[in-house]
């Protein structure tokens, strides 16, 4: 089954395949949110562990 998750007037910016095989059409805003979340998580993993200051 295909589910349309776009907001009114948005074009299809991407899609996601769910575990049950459904396909969700994603609009610009949702794809942007997913990308931002992924970048934030990747940056968190790259950040060195917190070290107490030497002052």
PDB file of N, CA and C in Angstrom:
ATOM      1  N   UNK A   1       0.844  -1.175   0.000  1.00  0.00           N
ATOM      2  CA  UNK A   1       0.000   0.000   0.000  1.00  0.00           C
ATOM      3  C   UNK A   1       0.892   1.242   0.000  1.00  0.00           C
ATOM      4  N   UNK A   2       0.476   2.263  -0.701  1.00  0.00           N
ATOM      5  CA  UNK A   2       1.216   3.523  -0.750  1.00  0.00           C
ATOM      6  C   UNK A   2       0.467   4.551   0.098  1.00  0.00           C
ATOM      7  N   UNK A   3       1.183   5.171   1.035  1.00  0.00           N
ATOM      8  CA  UNK A   3       0.605   6.211   1.881  1.00  0.00           C
ATOM      9  C   UNK A   3       1.254   7.541   1.516  1.00  0.00           C
ATOM     10  N   UNK A   4       0.448   8.535   1.331  1.00  0.00           N
ATOM     11  CA  UNK A   4       0.949   9.858   0.965  1.00  0.00           C
ATOM     12  C   UNK A   4       1.056  10.709   2.221  1.00  0.00           C
ATOM     13  N   UNK A   5       2.286  11.033   2.632  1.00  0.00           N
ATOM     14  CA  UNK A   5       2.512  11.802   3.856  1.00  0.00           C
ATOM     15  C   UNK A   5       2.885  13.261   3.555  1.00  0.00           C
ATOM     16  N   UNK A   6       2.707  13.684   2.306  1.00  0.00           N
ATOM     17  CA  UNK A   6       3.062  15.058   1.938  1.00  0.00           C
ATOM     18  C   UNK A   6       2.034  16.047   2.469  1.00  0.00           C
ATOM     19  N   UNK A   7       2.512  17.261   2.726  1.00  0.00           N
ATOM     20  CA  UNK A   7       1.614  18.355   3.067  1.00  0.00           C
ATOM     21  C   UNK A   7       1.006  18.885   1.765  1.00  0.00           C
ATOM     22  N   UNK A   8      -0.073  19.610   1.865  1.00  0.00           N
ATOM     23  CA  UNK A   8      -0.760  20.142   0.684  1.00  0.00           C
ATOM     24  C   UNK A   8       0.201  20.946  -0.190  1.00  0.00           C
ATOM     25  N   UNK A   9       0.297  20.581  -1.450  1.00  0.00           N
ATOM     26  CA  UNK A   9       1.110  21.314  -2.396  1.00  0.00           C
ATOM     27  C   UNK A   9       2.568  20.887  -2.480  1.00  0.00           C
ATOM     28  N   UNK A  10       3.025  20.005  -1.607  1.00  0.00           N
ATOM     29  CA  UNK A  10       4.420  19.564  -1.661  1.00  0.00           C
ATOM     30  C   UNK A  10       4.621  18.541  -2.766  1.00  0.00           C
ATOM     31  N   UNK A  11       5.798  18.585  -3.357  1.00  0.00           N
ATOM     32  CA  UNK A  11       6.150  17.550  -4.322  1.00  0.00           C
ATOM     33  C   UNK A  11       6.776  16.382  -3.563  1.00  0.00           C
ATOM     34  N   UNK A  12       6.919  15.260  -4.239  1.00  0.00           N
ATOM     35  CA  UNK A  12       7.535  14.098  -3.603  1.00  0.00           C
ATOM     36  C   UNK A  12       9.044  14.325  -3.550  1.00  0.00           C
ATOM     37  N   UNK A  13       9.592  14.348  -2.328  1.00  0.00           N
ATOM     38  CA  UNK A  13      11.020  14.570  -2.149  1.00  0.00           C
ATOM     39  C   UNK A  13      11.745  13.275  -1.800  1.00  0.00           C
ATOM     40  N   UNK A  14      10.988  12.262  -1.435  1.00  0.00           N
ATOM     41  CA  UNK A  14      11.605  10.992  -1.082  1.00  0.00           C
ATOM     42  C   UNK A  14      10.530   9.985  -0.716  1.00  0.00           C
ATOM     43  N   UNK A  15      10.970   8.816  -0.324  1.00  0.00           N
ATOM     44  CA  UNK A  15      10.026   7.796   0.114  1.00  0.00           C
ATOM     45  C   UNK A  15      10.703   6.916   1.145  1.00  0.00           C
ATOM     46  N   UNK A  16       9.886   6.213   1.905  1.00  0.00           N
ATOM     47  CA  UNK A  16      10.380   5.310   2.937  1.00  0.00           C
ATOM     48  C   UNK A  16       9.607   4.003   2.789  1.00  0.00           C
ATOM     49  N   UNK A  17      10.312   2.886   2.846  1.00  0.00           N
ATOM     50  CA  UNK A  17       9.673   1.573   2.806  1.00  0.00           C
ATOM     51  C   UNK A  17       9.581   1.072   4.245  1.00  0.00           C
ATOM     52  N   UNK A  18       8.377   0.802   4.688  1.00  0.00           N
ATOM     53  CA  UNK A  18       8.143   0.349   6.059  1.00  0.00           C
ATOM     54  C   UNK A  18       8.395  -1.151   6.169  1.00  0.00           C
ATOM     55  N   UNK A  19       8.501  -1.630   7.407  1.00  0.00           N
ATOM     56  CA  UNK A  19       8.759  -3.056   7.648  1.00  0.00           C
ATOM     57  C   UNK A  19       7.670  -3.941   7.050  1.00  0.00           C
ATOM     58  N   UNK A  20       6.431  -3.446   7.038  1.00  0.00           N
ATOM     59  CA  UNK A  20       5.329  -4.265   6.519  1.00  0.00           C
ATOM     60  C   UNK A  20       5.215  -4.196   4.995  1.00  0.00           C
ATOM     61  N   UNK A  21       6.150  -3.474   4.348  1.00  0.00           N
ATOM     62  CA  UNK A  21       6.158  -3.400   2.896  1.00  0.00           C
ATOM     63  C   UNK A  21       5.444  -2.190   2.332  1.00  0.00           C
ATOM     64  N   UNK A  22       4.740  -1.422   3.188  1.00  0.00           N
ATOM     65  CA  UNK A  22       4.087  -0.206   2.721  1.00  0.00           C
ATOM     66  C   UNK A  22       5.143   0.809   2.292  1.00  0.00           C
ATOM     67  N   UNK A  23       4.776   1.651   1.355  1.00  0.00           N
ATOM     68  CA  UNK A  23       5.655   2.734   0.901  1.00  0.00           C
ATOM     69  C   UNK A  23       4.999   4.052   1.286  1.00  0.00           C
ATOM     70  N   UNK A  24       5.767   4.934   1.951  1.00  0.00           N
ATOM     71  CA  UNK A  24       5.271   6.251   2.318  1.00  0.00           C
ATOM     72  C   UNK A  24       5.956   7.294   1.436  1.00  0.00           C
ATOM     73  N   UNK A  25       5.141   8.129   0.786  1.00  0.00           N
ATOM     74  CA  UNK A  25       5.682   9.234   0.003  1.00  0.00           C
ATOM     75  C   UNK A  25       5.943  10.386   0.958  1.00  0.00           C
ATOM     76  N   UNK A  26       7.147  10.970   0.910  1.00  0.00           N
ATOM     77  CA  UNK A  26       7.522  12.022   1.833  1.00  0.00           C
ATOM     78  C   UNK A  26       7.686  13.341   1.101  1.00  0.00           C
ATOM     79  N   UNK A  27       7.221  14.396   1.729  1.00  0.00           N
ATOM     80  CA  UNK A  27       7.375  15.732   1.173  1.00  0.00           C
ATOM     81  C   UNK A  27       8.680  16.368   1.605  1.00  0.00           C
ATOM     82  N   UNK A  28       8.921  17.568   1.094  1.00  0.00           N
ATOM     83  CA  UNK A  28      10.165  18.286   1.366  1.00  0.00           C
ATOM     84  C   UNK A  28      10.447  18.457   2.854  1.00  0.00           C
ATOM     85  N   UNK A  29       9.456  18.896   3.621  1.00  0.00           N
ATOM     86  CA  UNK A  29       9.670  19.194   5.035  1.00  0.00           C
ATOM     87  C   UNK A  29      10.067  17.941   5.819  1.00  0.00           C
ATOM     88  N   UNK A  30       9.409  16.829   5.552  1.00  0.00           N
ATOM     89  CA  UNK A  30       9.719  15.602   6.285  1.00  0.00           C
ATOM     90  C   UNK A  30      11.097  15.063   5.917  1.00  0.00           C
ATOM     91  N   UNK A  31      11.451  15.122   4.645  1.00  0.00           N
ATOM     92  CA  UNK A  31      12.779  14.672   4.220  1.00  0.00           C
ATOM     93  C   UNK A  31      13.850  15.552   4.863  1.00  0.00           C
ATOM     94  N   UNK A  32      13.610  16.852   4.905  1.00  0.00           N
ATOM     95  CA  UNK A  32      14.563  17.774   5.537  1.00  0.00           C
ATOM     96  C   UNK A  32      14.751  17.428   7.012  1.00  0.00           C
ATOM     97  N   UNK A  33      13.665  17.117   7.702  1.00  0.00           N
ATOM     98  CA  UNK A  33      13.743  16.747   9.111  1.00  0.00           C
ATOM     99  C   UNK A  33      14.546  15.464   9.293  1.00  0.00           C
ATOM    100  N   UNK A  34      14.318  14.475   8.441  1.00  0.00           N
ATOM    101  CA  UNK A  34      15.037  13.204   8.526  1.00  0.00           C
ATOM    102  C   UNK A  34      16.533  13.421   8.293  1.00  0.00           C
ATOM    103  N   UNK A  35      16.866  14.255   7.303  1.00  0.00           N
ATOM    104  CA  UNK A  35      18.273  14.534   6.994  1.00  0.00           C
ATOM    105  C   UNK A  35      18.936  15.266   8.158  1.00  0.00           C
ATOM    106  N   UNK A  36      18.245  16.265   8.713  1.00  0.00           N
ATOM    107  CA  UNK A  36      18.803  17.009   9.850  1.00  0.00           C
ATOM    108  C   UNK A  36      19.049  16.078  11.030  1.00  0.00           C
ATOM    109  N   UNK A  37      18.110  15.197  11.315  1.00  0.00           N
ATOM    110  CA  UNK A  37      18.260  14.261  12.436  1.00  0.00           C
ATOM    111  C   UNK A  37      19.460  13.344  12.202  1.00  0.00           C
ATOM    112  N   UNK A  38      19.599  12.846  10.975  1.00  0.00           N
ATOM    113  CA  UNK A  38      20.718  11.965  10.646  1.00  0.00           C
ATOM    114  C   UNK A  38      22.054  12.673  10.778  1.00  0.00           C
ATOM    115  N   UNK A  39      22.128  13.923  10.311  1.00  0.00           N
ATOM    116  CA  UNK A  39      23.375  14.687  10.441  1.00  0.00           C
ATOM    117  C   UNK A  39      23.703  14.958  11.901  1.00  0.00           C
ATOM    118  N   UNK A  40      22.710  15.312  12.682  1.00  0.00           N
ATOM    119  CA  UNK A  40      22.920  15.583  14.112  1.00  0.00           C
ATOM    120  C   UNK A  40      23.449  14.331  14.817  1.00  0.00           C
ATOM    121  N   UNK A  41      22.855  13.176  14.529  1.00  0.00           N
ATOM    122  CA  UNK A  41      23.300  11.924  15.152  1.00  0.00           C
ATOM    123  C   UNK A  41      24.724  11.580  14.711  1.00  0.00           C
ATOM    124  N   UNK A  42      25.040  11.805  13.445  1.00  0.00           N
ATOM    125  CA  UNK A  42      26.390  11.517  12.950  1.00  0.00           C
ATOM    126  C   UNK A  42      27.412  12.427  13.624  1.00  0.00           C
ATOM    127  N   UNK A  43      27.076  13.699  13.787  1.00  0.00           N
ATOM    128  CA  UNK A  43      28.001  14.627  14.447  1.00  0.00           C
ATOM    129  C   UNK A  43      28.209  14.251  15.912  1.00  0.00           C
ATOM    130  N   UNK A  44      27.155  13.796  16.568  1.00  0.00           N
ATOM    131  CA  UNK A  44      27.282  13.363  17.967  1.00  0.00           C
ATOM    132  C   UNK A  44      28.261  12.191  18.083  1.00  0.00           C
ATOM    133  N   UNK A  45      28.244  11.289  17.118  1.00  0.00           N
ATOM    134  CA  UNK A  45      29.135  10.129  17.147  1.00  0.00           C
ATOM    135  C   UNK A  45      30.575  10.538  16.873  1.00  0.00           C
ATOM    136  N   UNK A  46      30.768  11.613  16.094  1.00  0.00           N
ATOM    137  CA  UNK A  46      32.118  12.069  15.771  1.00  0.00           C
ATOM    138  C   UNK A  46      32.724  12.912  16.887  1.00  0.00           C
ATOM    139  N   UNK A  47      31.890  13.490  17.731  1.00  0.00           N
ATOM    140  CA  UNK A  47      32.375  14.356  18.801  1.00  0.00           C
ATOM    141  C   UNK A  47      33.192  13.534  19.792  1.00  0.00           C
ATOM    142  N   UNK A  48      34.376  14.030  20.164  1.00  0.00           N
ATOM    143  CA  UNK A  48      35.185  13.282  21.134  1.00  0.00           C
ATOM    144  C   UNK A  48      34.482  13.233  22.491  1.00  0.00           C
ATOM    145  N   UNK A  49      34.789  12.235  23.295  1.00  0.00           N
ATOM    146  CA  UNK A  49      34.162  12.151  24.616  1.00  0.00           C
ATOM    147  C   UNK A  49      34.495  13.396  25.435  1.00  0.00           C
ATOM    148  N   UNK A  50      33.576  13.776  26.298  1.00  0.00           N
ATOM    149  CA  UNK A  50      33.783  14.972  27.126  1.00  0.00           C
ATOM    150  C   UNK A  50      34.958  14.746  28.087  1.00  0.00           C
ATOM    151  N   UNK A  51      35.846  15.714  28.100  1.00  0.00           N
ATOM    152  CA  UNK A  51      36.977  15.648  29.020  1.00  0.00           C
ATOM    153  C   UNK A  51      36.926  16.850  29.944  1.00  0.00           C
ATOM    154  N   UNK A  52      37.133  16.629  31.227  1.00  0.00           N
ATOM    155  CA  UNK A  52      37.115  17.773  32.146  1.00  0.00           C
ATOM    156  C   UNK A  52      38.237  18.751  31.788  1.00  0.00           C
ATOM    157  N   UNK A  53      37.976  20.028  31.993  1.00  0.00           N
ATOM    158  CA  UNK A  53      38.998  21.030  31.677  1.00  0.00           C
ATOM    159  C   UNK A  53      40.146  20.918  32.673  1.00  0.00           C
ATOM    160  N   UNK A  54      41.304  21.394  32.260  1.00  0.00           N
ATOM    161  CA  UNK A  54      42.495  21.317  33.100  1.00  0.00           C
ATOM    162  C   UNK A  54      42.631  22.551  33.993  1.00  0.00           C
ATOM    163  N   UNK A  55      41.702  23.468  33.937  1.00  0.00           N
ATOM    164  CA  UNK A  55      41.788  24.705  34.729  1.00  0.00           C
ATOM    165  C   UNK A  55      41.454  24.448  36.154  1.00  0.00           C
TER     166      UNK A  55
END
